[in-house]
């Protein structure tokens, strides 16, 4: 399949004037692109891939808990010093955070607006839906809501320590993780959220490939295999940490 870039540009230029644009004044190409359905899907695809890259890196970092507190805590300090001496202390970490927040916001806003557009465009009398499409849509919507709530809780628990169940120690993620996963609710929240991540990645990776013009009939099986493998590896990798704490493997 050829790249969708020419199609995206053409559709953006052909989009009707955006609400709020002065009469007779043509909206900018960037605004037209954002207002188009394909533009929003492209934002979702690109932002989703950025978040996927972060999830892979975050999972690998979490697995350092199996090598003991010294290595896990050293990793936390490294995140704040990476880029030095070219960058100031924690600048690289804040750049990562800013990019990630922009990706999350862009992904969520695009998903919400596409969902509203889909609801408005669907006749109320239309009741016959493809089961597969309906299931995937429900999974992505509810999964997105679960993940949004989890991100807030996760930051308050292990980044700021606001809702941390024990005595929160800055730059001591090893002990902080043990505190969180020594509570039943910490395990339930985390495992449910991670399961939602797996389902989200499984369908989202496939959708991103189609939107960006990577997918075609010949690559369908390979893309599905990659999507399923990523979802499984991320789920097992993240879940292994609370399970290790619960079973005493990590203590």
Protein backbone atom coordinates (compact mmCIF):
# COMPACT_ATOMS: atom_id res chain seq x y z
CA UNK A 1 0.00 0.00 0.00
CA UNK A 2 1.33 3.46 -0.88
CA UNK A 3 1.84 6.11 1.77
CA UNK A 4 -1.26 8.04 2.77
CA UNK A 5 0.62 11.35 2.93
CA UNK A 6 -0.67 12.66 -0.47
CA UNK A 7 -4.20 11.57 0.42
CA UNK A 8 -4.00 13.29 3.81
CA UNK A 9 -2.88 16.57 2.23
CA UNK A 10 -5.57 16.48 -0.47
CA UNK A 11 -8.33 15.71 2.03
CA UNK A 12 -7.10 18.44 4.33
CA UNK A 13 -7.17 21.05 1.56
CA UNK A 14 -10.63 19.93 0.55
CA UNK A 15 -12.05 20.21 4.06
CA UNK A 16 -14.85 22.75 4.53
CA UNK A 17 -14.01 25.94 6.44
CA UNK A 18 -13.34 25.33 10.10
CA UNK A 19 -15.75 26.75 12.69
CA UNK A 20 -14.32 30.00 13.96
CA UNK A 21 -12.59 30.88 10.69
CA UNK A 22 -13.53 34.28 9.27
CA UNK A 23 -15.91 34.13 6.25
CA UNK A 24 -13.98 34.03 3.00
CA UNK A 25 -10.72 33.24 4.79
CA UNK A 26 -9.25 29.87 4.00
CA UNK A 27 -8.08 27.89 7.07
CA UNK A 28 -4.39 26.99 7.29
CA UNK A 29 -3.34 23.56 5.95
CA UNK A 30 -2.45 22.46 9.50
CA UNK A 31 -5.91 23.44 10.81
CA UNK A 32 -7.61 21.79 7.84
CA UNK A 33 -5.60 18.63 8.39
CA UNK A 34 -6.51 18.53 12.10
CA UNK A 35 -10.19 19.09 11.26
CA UNK A 36 -10.26 16.15 8.84
CA UNK A 37 -10.99 12.60 9.97
CA UNK A 38 -7.81 11.24 8.42
CA UNK A 39 -5.84 14.00 10.17
CA UNK A 40 -7.19 13.01 13.58
CA UNK A 41 -6.52 9.34 12.85
CA UNK A 42 -2.95 10.22 11.88
CA UNK A 43 -2.48 12.09 15.16
CA UNK A 44 -3.83 9.05 17.01
CA UNK A 45 -1.50 6.71 15.14
CA UNK A 46 1.66 8.78 15.65
CA UNK A 47 0.92 9.61 19.30
CA UNK A 48 0.05 5.95 19.93
CA UNK A 49 3.42 4.81 18.57
CA UNK A 50 5.20 7.37 20.78
CA UNK A 51 3.39 6.01 23.84
CA UNK A 52 4.14 2.44 22.74
CA UNK A 53 7.86 3.24 22.62
CA UNK A 54 7.61 4.69 26.12
CA UNK A 55 5.77 1.62 27.41
CA UNK A 56 8.48 -0.71 26.10
CA UNK A 57 11.22 1.40 27.76
CA UNK A 58 9.20 1.69 30.98
CA UNK A 59 8.63 -2.07 31.15
CA UNK A 60 12.35 -2.76 30.68
CA UNK A 61 13.12 -0.29 33.47
CA UNK A 62 10.58 -1.94 35.78
CA UNK A 63 12.20 -5.35 35.27
CA UNK A 64 15.33 -4.04 36.99
CA UNK A 65 13.45 -4.68 40.24
CA UNK A 66 14.47 -8.34 39.82
CA UNK A 67 18.16 -7.36 40.12
CA UNK A 68 17.81 -5.78 43.54
CA UNK A 69 17.39 -2.34 45.09
CA UNK A 70 20.83 -1.03 44.13
CA UNK A 71 20.29 -1.48 40.39
CA UNK A 72 16.67 -0.30 40.48
CA UNK A 73 17.51 2.83 42.45
CA UNK A 74 20.56 3.52 40.27
CA UNK A 75 18.27 3.41 37.23
CA UNK A 76 16.05 6.07 38.84
CA UNK A 77 19.08 8.31 39.34
CA UNK A 78 20.24 7.70 35.75
CA UNK A 79 16.92 8.98 34.39
CA UNK A 80 17.62 12.32 36.06
CA UNK A 81 21.22 12.61 34.87
CA UNK A 82 20.93 11.32 31.29
CA UNK A 83 22.12 13.85 28.77
CA UNK A 84 24.60 15.44 31.16
CA UNK A 85 26.80 17.40 30.84
CA UNK A 86 25.24 18.64 27.60
CA UNK A 87 21.86 18.97 29.28
CA UNK A 88 21.17 20.28 32.75
CA UNK A 89 20.09 17.93 35.55
CA UNK A 90 16.66 16.38 34.77
CA UNK A 91 16.24 18.32 31.50
CA UNK A 92 16.20 15.15 29.39
CA UNK A 93 13.66 13.58 31.74
CA UNK A 94 11.42 16.63 31.50
CA UNK A 95 11.70 16.63 27.70
CA UNK A 96 10.51 13.01 27.71
CA UNK A 97 7.64 13.94 30.03
CA UNK A 98 6.58 16.89 27.85
CA UNK A 99 6.59 14.78 24.68
CA UNK A 100 4.67 12.03 26.47
CA UNK A 101 2.04 14.43 27.86
CA UNK A 102 1.60 15.96 24.39
CA UNK A 103 1.16 12.47 22.93
CA UNK A 104 -1.40 11.48 25.60
CA UNK A 105 -3.41 14.69 25.15
CA UNK A 106 -3.31 14.49 21.36
CA UNK A 107 -4.33 10.83 21.45
CA UNK A 108 -7.19 11.40 23.91
CA UNK A 109 -8.58 14.49 22.17
CA UNK A 110 -8.44 12.83 18.74
CA UNK A 111 -10.12 9.69 20.08
CA UNK A 112 -12.90 11.70 21.75
CA UNK A 113 -13.59 13.86 18.70
CA UNK A 114 -13.57 10.88 16.33
CA UNK A 115 -15.94 9.04 18.65
CA UNK A 116 -18.35 12.02 18.73
CA UNK A 117 -18.13 12.35 14.96
CA UNK A 118 -18.87 8.65 14.52
CA UNK A 119 -21.92 8.84 16.81
CA UNK A 120 -23.33 11.88 14.99
CA UNK A 121 -22.81 10.29 11.59
CA UNK A 122 -24.53 7.02 12.54
CA UNK A 123 -28.32 6.94 11.98
CA UNK A 124 -30.23 5.96 15.11
CA UNK A 125 -32.19 3.37 13.20
CA UNK A 126 -28.99 1.58 12.24
CA UNK A 127 -28.76 -1.42 14.55
CA UNK A 128 -26.74 -3.94 12.54
CA UNK A 129 -23.06 -3.70 13.43
CA UNK A 130 -20.18 -5.96 12.71
CA UNK A 131 -19.41 -7.78 15.95
CA UNK A 132 -15.69 -7.51 15.47
CA UNK A 133 -15.71 -3.76 14.85
CA UNK A 134 -18.12 -3.20 17.75
CA UNK A 135 -15.97 -5.24 20.14
CA UNK A 136 -12.78 -3.46 19.08
CA UNK A 137 -14.43 -0.04 19.46
CA UNK A 138 -15.78 -0.81 22.93
CA UNK A 139 -12.41 -2.22 23.99
CA UNK A 140 -10.54 0.87 22.83
CA UNK A 141 -13.00 3.33 24.39
CA UNK A 142 -13.29 1.68 27.78
CA UNK A 143 -9.61 0.77 27.75
CA UNK A 144 -8.75 4.41 27.11
CA UNK A 145 -10.87 5.58 30.05
CA UNK A 146 -9.34 2.97 32.37
CA UNK A 147 -5.83 3.97 31.30
CA UNK A 148 -6.52 7.69 31.76
CA UNK A 149 -7.69 7.07 35.35
CA UNK A 150 -4.75 4.74 35.98
CA UNK A 151 -2.19 7.30 34.77
CA UNK A 152 -3.48 9.81 37.33
CA UNK A 153 -3.37 7.24 40.15
CA UNK A 154 0.05 5.94 39.06
CA UNK A 155 1.60 9.43 39.11
CA UNK A 156 0.07 10.25 42.50
CA UNK A 157 1.29 6.92 43.86
CA UNK A 158 4.83 6.43 42.52
CA UNK A 159 5.88 9.87 41.23
CA UNK A 160 4.58 12.41 43.73
CA UNK A 161 3.82 9.96 46.57
CA UNK A 162 0.51 11.73 47.30
CA UNK A 163 -1.52 8.52 47.62
CA UNK A 164 1.38 6.17 48.30
CA UNK A 165 0.43 3.55 50.91
CA UNK A 166 3.76 3.66 52.74
CA UNK A 167 6.43 6.22 53.51
CA UNK A 168 7.30 7.51 50.03
CA UNK A 169 11.05 7.74 49.43
CA UNK A 170 12.31 9.91 46.59
CA UNK A 171 14.75 8.08 44.26
CA UNK A 172 14.00 4.77 46.00
CA UNK A 173 11.57 3.14 43.53
CA UNK A 174 12.43 -0.36 44.72
CA UNK A 175 10.91 0.15 48.18
CA UNK A 176 8.08 2.27 46.76
CA UNK A 177 7.07 -0.55 44.40
CA UNK A 178 7.09 -3.05 47.26
CA UNK A 179 4.89 -0.73 49.34
CA UNK A 180 2.34 -0.37 46.53
CA UNK A 181 2.20 -4.05 45.62
CA UNK A 182 1.95 -5.12 49.24
CA UNK A 183 -1.62 -3.81 49.19
CA UNK A 184 -4.49 -5.70 47.60
CA UNK A 185 -5.94 -2.62 45.91
CA UNK A 186 -2.56 -1.62 44.46
CA UNK A 187 -2.30 -5.04 42.79
CA UNK A 188 -5.88 -4.99 41.51
CA UNK A 189 -5.62 -1.49 40.04
CA UNK A 190 -2.27 -2.21 38.40
CA UNK A 191 -3.18 -5.61 36.92
CA UNK A 192 -6.52 -4.37 35.54
CA UNK A 193 -4.81 -1.35 33.98
CA UNK A 194 -2.00 -3.43 32.50
CA UNK A 195 -4.54 -5.83 31.00
CA UNK A 196 -6.26 -2.84 29.41
CA UNK A 197 -2.86 -1.74 28.05
CA UNK A 198 -2.43 -5.12 26.38
CA UNK A 199 -5.83 -4.97 24.68
CA UNK A 200 -5.27 -1.35 23.70
CA UNK A 201 -1.88 -2.10 22.14
CA UNK A 202 -3.19 -5.18 20.35
CA UNK A 203 -5.86 -3.25 18.45
CA UNK A 204 -4.10 0.12 18.39
CA UNK A 205 -0.92 -1.11 16.70
CA UNK A 206 -2.97 -2.67 13.92
CA UNK A 207 -5.05 0.48 13.47
CA UNK A 208 -1.93 2.69 13.41
CA UNK A 209 -0.38 0.53 10.70
CA UNK A 210 -3.51 0.89 8.54
CA UNK A 211 -3.72 4.65 9.08
CA UNK A 212 -0.06 5.24 8.22
CA UNK A 213 -0.28 3.12 5.08
CA UNK A 214 1.97 0.34 6.32
CA UNK A 215 -0.64 -2.39 6.35
CA UNK A 216 -1.80 -4.35 3.34
CA UNK A 217 -3.16 -7.83 2.60
CA UNK A 218 0.32 -9.28 2.19
CA UNK A 219 1.57 -7.95 5.54
CA UNK A 220 -1.65 -8.64 7.46
CA UNK A 221 -0.46 -11.80 9.20
CA UNK A 222 2.92 -10.27 10.11
CA UNK A 223 1.33 -7.10 11.55
CA UNK A 224 -1.15 -9.14 13.58
CA UNK A 225 1.70 -11.28 14.90
CA UNK A 226 3.68 -8.17 15.91
CA UNK A 227 0.61 -6.62 17.56
CA UNK A 228 -0.20 -9.79 19.51
CA UNK A 229 3.44 -10.28 20.53
CA UNK A 230 3.83 -6.69 21.74
CA UNK A 231 0.60 -6.88 23.71
CA UNK A 232 1.57 -10.18 25.33
CA UNK A 233 5.14 -9.14 26.17
CA UNK A 234 4.04 -5.81 27.67
CA UNK A 235 1.28 -7.42 29.71
CA UNK A 236 3.47 -10.19 31.10
CA UNK A 237 6.39 -7.82 31.69
CA UNK A 238 4.37 -5.32 33.69
CA UNK A 239 2.32 -7.92 35.58
CA UNK A 240 5.44 -9.85 36.59
CA UNK A 241 6.42 -7.10 39.04
CA UNK A 242 3.33 -7.15 41.32
CA UNK A 243 3.21 -10.94 41.06
CA UNK A 244 6.85 -11.14 42.18
CA UNK A 245 6.11 -8.94 45.20
CA UNK A 246 2.96 -10.91 46.09
CA UNK A 247 4.81 -14.23 45.94
CA UNK A 248 7.86 -13.00 47.82
CA UNK A 249 10.25 -13.32 44.88
CA UNK A 250 10.93 -9.59 45.30
CA UNK A 251 10.95 -8.32 48.87
